[in-house]
Amino acid sequence: KCVTALLLLNGMMTIFVLLEAQPAAVTSAPQTWNKELLLLKPCWKMLKKKFKSFTPCQVSNLLFLIFSGTPRVAFSAALPGSGNTGPFTTATPLTYKKVFSNTGNCYNPSTGIFTATVSGMYFFRFSMFNNMTPAPNSVVSLMKNSERLTSVWDTAATDIHDSGSNAVVISLKVGDNVYVQLEPNRAVYDDGMHYNTFSGFLLFPM
């Protein structure tokens, strides 16, 4: 069924690409074809207009829906390099630029933000590591749009080399953003071993 649907969609797109190049073909076609092509033409215009507004993630999910009927969304990334990230005077999204996987391309390593293009139930996990002297000073929070969901703190211990993690299962609508926020005047540490990670995936669409 999926292959048949793909062939039909591809065939319709091919027909109308040719018709755009040679519009006279509509009027010169047999009368029965002429009527059917004119009825389908508004559908083609709608599809073409819609495709132009699709993000790479939406195109990827659309193609997978055609083949399997189920969208695939999953990513995992870590902070790059070594040394401290922060402190900053304002709350700042952490940009996990070491990308391990990004099926669906819904995670943006330039901004550190995951944007849902499929409404559904999602799982997210993040970890934090510090190596602050004389005392740790790390606070990170998982954010959904502007809402704080959960956090990991380490600000009062007398030792160093501490780590922590947290996770949530949440529902998202198309366009919702999820990211890890470094709180003001706090910092996290990495040394290239990728202690600080951010991962998530779609459990099921809704």
Protein backbone atom coordinates (compact mmCIF):
# COMPACT_ATOMS: atom_id res chain seq x y z
CA LYS A 1 0.00 0.00 0.00
CA CYS A 2 2.78 2.40 0.91
CA VAL A 3 4.66 1.73 -2.33
CA THR A 4 1.46 2.16 -4.33
CA ALA A 5 0.70 5.46 -2.60
CA LEU A 6 4.24 6.67 -3.25
CA LEU A 7 4.02 5.72 -6.93
CA LEU A 8 0.68 7.50 -7.28
CA LEU A 9 2.00 10.65 -5.58
CA ASN A 10 5.15 10.57 -7.67
CA GLY A 11 3.11 10.05 -10.84
CA MET A 12 0.82 12.98 -10.09
CA MET A 13 3.79 15.24 -9.32
CA THR A 14 5.50 14.21 -12.58
CA ILE A 15 2.36 14.92 -14.62
CA PHE A 16 1.95 18.41 -13.23
CA VAL A 17 5.65 19.29 -13.49
CA LEU A 18 5.36 18.46 -17.19
CA LEU A 19 2.12 20.42 -17.49
CA GLU A 20 3.75 23.48 -15.93
CA ALA A 21 6.48 23.26 -18.54
CA GLN A 22 3.95 22.70 -21.35
CA PRO A 23 0.55 24.15 -20.28
CA ALA A 24 -0.85 23.68 -23.79
CA ALA A 25 -0.84 19.95 -23.14
CA VAL A 26 -3.96 20.32 -21.00
CA THR A 27 -6.08 21.68 -23.83
CA SER A 28 -4.64 19.24 -26.37
CA ALA A 29 -5.27 16.19 -24.18
CA PRO A 30 -8.28 13.91 -24.81
CA GLN A 31 -11.52 15.41 -23.47
CA THR A 32 -11.86 12.94 -20.58
CA TRP A 33 -8.24 13.52 -19.52
CA ASN A 34 -8.70 17.26 -19.82
CA LYS A 35 -11.51 17.29 -17.24
CA GLU A 36 -9.63 15.08 -14.79
CA LEU A 37 -6.42 17.09 -15.08
CA LEU A 38 -8.28 20.34 -14.48
CA LEU A 39 -9.90 18.84 -11.36
CA LEU A 40 -6.52 17.70 -10.01
CA LYS A 41 -4.69 20.94 -10.75
CA PRO A 42 -5.87 22.78 -7.55
CA CYS A 43 -4.64 19.81 -5.50
CA TRP A 44 -1.21 20.08 -7.12
CA LYS A 45 -1.05 23.83 -6.41
CA MET A 46 -1.93 23.19 -2.75
CA LEU A 47 0.72 20.47 -2.41
CA LYS A 48 3.40 22.58 -4.09
CA LYS A 49 2.63 25.54 -1.85
CA LYS A 50 2.67 23.34 1.26
CA PHE A 51 5.98 21.66 0.36
CA LYS A 52 7.68 25.07 0.11
CA SER A 53 6.85 25.76 3.78
CA PHE A 54 8.08 22.38 5.03
CA THR A 55 11.22 22.22 7.18
CA PRO A 56 13.78 19.45 6.51
CA CYS A 57 12.42 17.65 9.58
CA GLN A 58 8.84 17.79 8.26
CA VAL A 59 9.93 16.53 4.84
CA SER A 60 11.81 13.67 6.50
CA ASN A 61 8.78 12.73 8.59
CA LEU A 62 6.45 13.02 5.59
CA LEU A 63 8.60 10.64 3.54
CA PHE A 64 8.74 8.16 6.42
CA LEU A 65 4.95 8.40 6.88
CA ILE A 66 4.53 7.50 3.21
CA PHE A 67 6.65 4.37 3.66
CA SER A 68 5.69 3.18 7.14
CA GLY A 69 2.86 5.27 8.56
CA THR A 70 4.88 6.10 11.72
CA PRO A 71 7.17 9.15 12.14
CA ARG A 72 10.68 8.68 13.55
CA VAL A 73 12.17 11.34 15.82
CA ALA A 74 15.25 10.77 18.01
CA PHE A 75 18.43 12.67 18.86
CA SER A 76 21.38 12.64 21.23
CA ALA A 77 24.10 15.27 21.64
CA ALA A 78 26.83 16.45 24.03
CA LEU A 79 28.71 19.63 24.85
CA PRO A 80 31.85 19.92 22.72
CA GLY A 81 35.42 20.71 23.72
CA SER A 82 36.74 21.11 27.24
CA GLY A 83 36.64 23.62 30.06
CA ASN A 84 33.82 25.59 31.62
CA THR A 85 30.63 26.71 29.87
CA GLY A 86 29.44 29.82 31.70
CA PRO A 87 28.86 31.63 33.87
CA PHE A 88 26.53 34.03 32.01
CA THR A 89 24.55 36.91 33.49
CA THR A 90 21.26 35.61 32.03
CA ALA A 91 19.68 32.19 31.58
CA THR A 92 21.21 30.62 28.45
CA PRO A 93 20.31 27.52 26.41
CA LEU A 94 23.21 25.07 26.29
CA THR A 95 24.29 24.25 22.73
CA TYR A 96 25.16 20.57 22.49
CA LYS A 97 27.16 20.63 19.26
CA LYS A 98 28.59 17.11 19.40
CA VAL A 99 25.70 15.29 17.72
CA PHE A 100 25.59 11.50 18.06
CA SER A 101 22.28 11.08 16.24
CA ASN A 102 19.51 13.31 14.90
CA THR A 103 16.87 11.24 13.13
CA GLY A 104 14.26 13.63 11.77
CA ASN A 105 16.60 16.64 12.12
CA CYS A 106 14.40 18.19 14.82
CA TYR A 107 17.35 19.08 17.07
CA ASN A 108 19.31 22.21 16.11
CA PRO A 109 22.95 22.00 17.33
CA SER A 110 23.45 25.71 16.60
CA THR A 111 20.81 26.75 19.15
CA GLY A 112 20.57 23.68 21.39
CA ILE A 113 16.80 23.63 20.82
CA PHE A 114 14.62 20.66 19.90
CA THR A 115 11.49 21.65 17.97
CA ALA A 116 8.61 19.18 17.69
CA THR A 117 7.20 18.64 14.23
CA VAL A 118 5.05 15.70 15.33
CA SER A 119 2.48 15.99 18.13
CA GLY A 120 2.96 13.16 20.59
CA MET A 121 4.47 11.83 23.81
CA TYR A 122 8.24 12.30 24.14
CA PHE A 123 11.05 11.19 26.45
CA PHE A 124 13.91 13.59 27.28
CA ARG A 125 17.02 13.14 29.43
CA PHE A 126 19.91 15.46 30.27
CA SER A 127 23.05 15.21 32.39
CA MET A 128 25.30 17.74 34.10
CA PHE A 129 28.92 17.67 35.28
CA ASN A 130 31.07 20.15 37.22
CA ASN A 131 34.68 20.47 38.27
CA MET A 132 34.53 23.76 40.10
CA THR A 133 37.06 24.91 42.67
CA PRO A 134 36.74 25.75 45.53
CA ALA A 135 33.04 24.79 45.37
CA PRO A 136 30.66 23.61 42.64
CA ASN A 137 28.31 26.16 41.12
CA SER A 138 26.13 24.32 38.60
CA VAL A 139 22.38 24.56 37.93
CA VAL A 140 20.72 23.43 34.69
CA SER A 141 17.02 23.09 33.88
CA LEU A 142 15.01 21.32 31.21
CA MET A 143 12.66 23.81 29.56
CA LYS A 144 9.50 23.39 27.50
CA ASN A 145 9.06 26.72 25.72
CA SER A 146 9.37 29.09 28.72
CA GLU A 147 8.23 26.55 31.34
CA ARG A 148 10.80 24.94 33.65
CA LEU A 149 10.11 21.20 33.84
CA THR A 150 12.90 19.83 36.02
CA SER A 151 16.44 20.71 37.14
CA VAL A 152 19.77 19.37 38.37
CA TRP A 153 21.65 21.30 41.06
CA ASP A 154 25.10 21.10 42.62
CA THR A 155 26.00 24.25 44.51
CA ALA A 156 26.82 23.38 48.12
CA ALA A 157 29.15 20.37 48.15
CA THR A 158 32.73 20.58 49.40
CA ASP A 159 34.15 18.29 46.72
CA ILE A 160 34.50 18.44 42.93
CA HIS A 161 33.84 16.09 39.99
CA ASP A 162 30.12 15.78 40.67
CA SER A 163 27.48 14.81 38.12
CA GLY A 164 23.72 14.43 37.98
CA SER A 165 20.90 13.79 35.55
CA ASN A 166 17.14 14.02 35.21
CA ALA A 167 14.46 12.94 32.77
CA VAL A 168 10.82 13.54 31.85
CA VAL A 169 8.04 12.10 29.71
CA ILE A 170 5.92 14.92 28.28
CA SER A 171 3.40 15.62 25.55
CA LEU A 172 4.36 18.10 22.84
CA LYS A 173 2.45 19.81 20.07
CA VAL A 174 3.91 20.81 16.72
CA GLY A 175 6.11 23.87 17.24
CA ASP A 176 6.88 23.28 20.94
CA ASN A 177 10.53 23.83 21.89
CA VAL A 178 12.54 21.82 24.43
CA TYR A 179 16.05 22.73 25.57
CA VAL A 180 18.45 22.63 28.53
CA GLN A 181 18.98 25.99 30.19
CA LEU A 182 22.07 27.02 32.14
CA GLU A 183 20.83 29.25 34.94
CA PRO A 184 22.30 32.75 35.50
CA ASN A 185 25.76 32.95 37.08
CA ARG A 186 26.21 29.16 36.94
CA ALA A 187 28.61 26.96 34.96
CA VAL A 188 29.14 23.37 33.83
CA TYR A 189 32.38 21.62 32.98
CA ASP A 190 33.54 19.12 30.38
CA ASP A 191 36.94 17.80 29.32
CA GLY A 192 36.09 16.17 26.02
CA MET A 193 34.65 13.05 27.65
CA HIS A 194 31.09 14.30 26.99
CA TYR A 195 29.65 14.22 30.51
CA ASN A 196 26.99 16.83 29.62
CA THR A 197 24.42 15.30 27.29
CA PHE A 198 20.91 16.03 25.99
CA SER A 199 18.80 13.29 24.39
CA GLY A 200 15.20 12.68 23.44
CA PHE A 201 12.88 10.68 21.24
CA LEU A 202 9.24 10.30 20.23
CA LEU A 203 7.47 7.53 22.12
CA PHE A 204 4.28 7.66 20.05
CA PRO A 205 2.32 10.27 18.09
CA MET A 206 -1.00 11.64 19.35
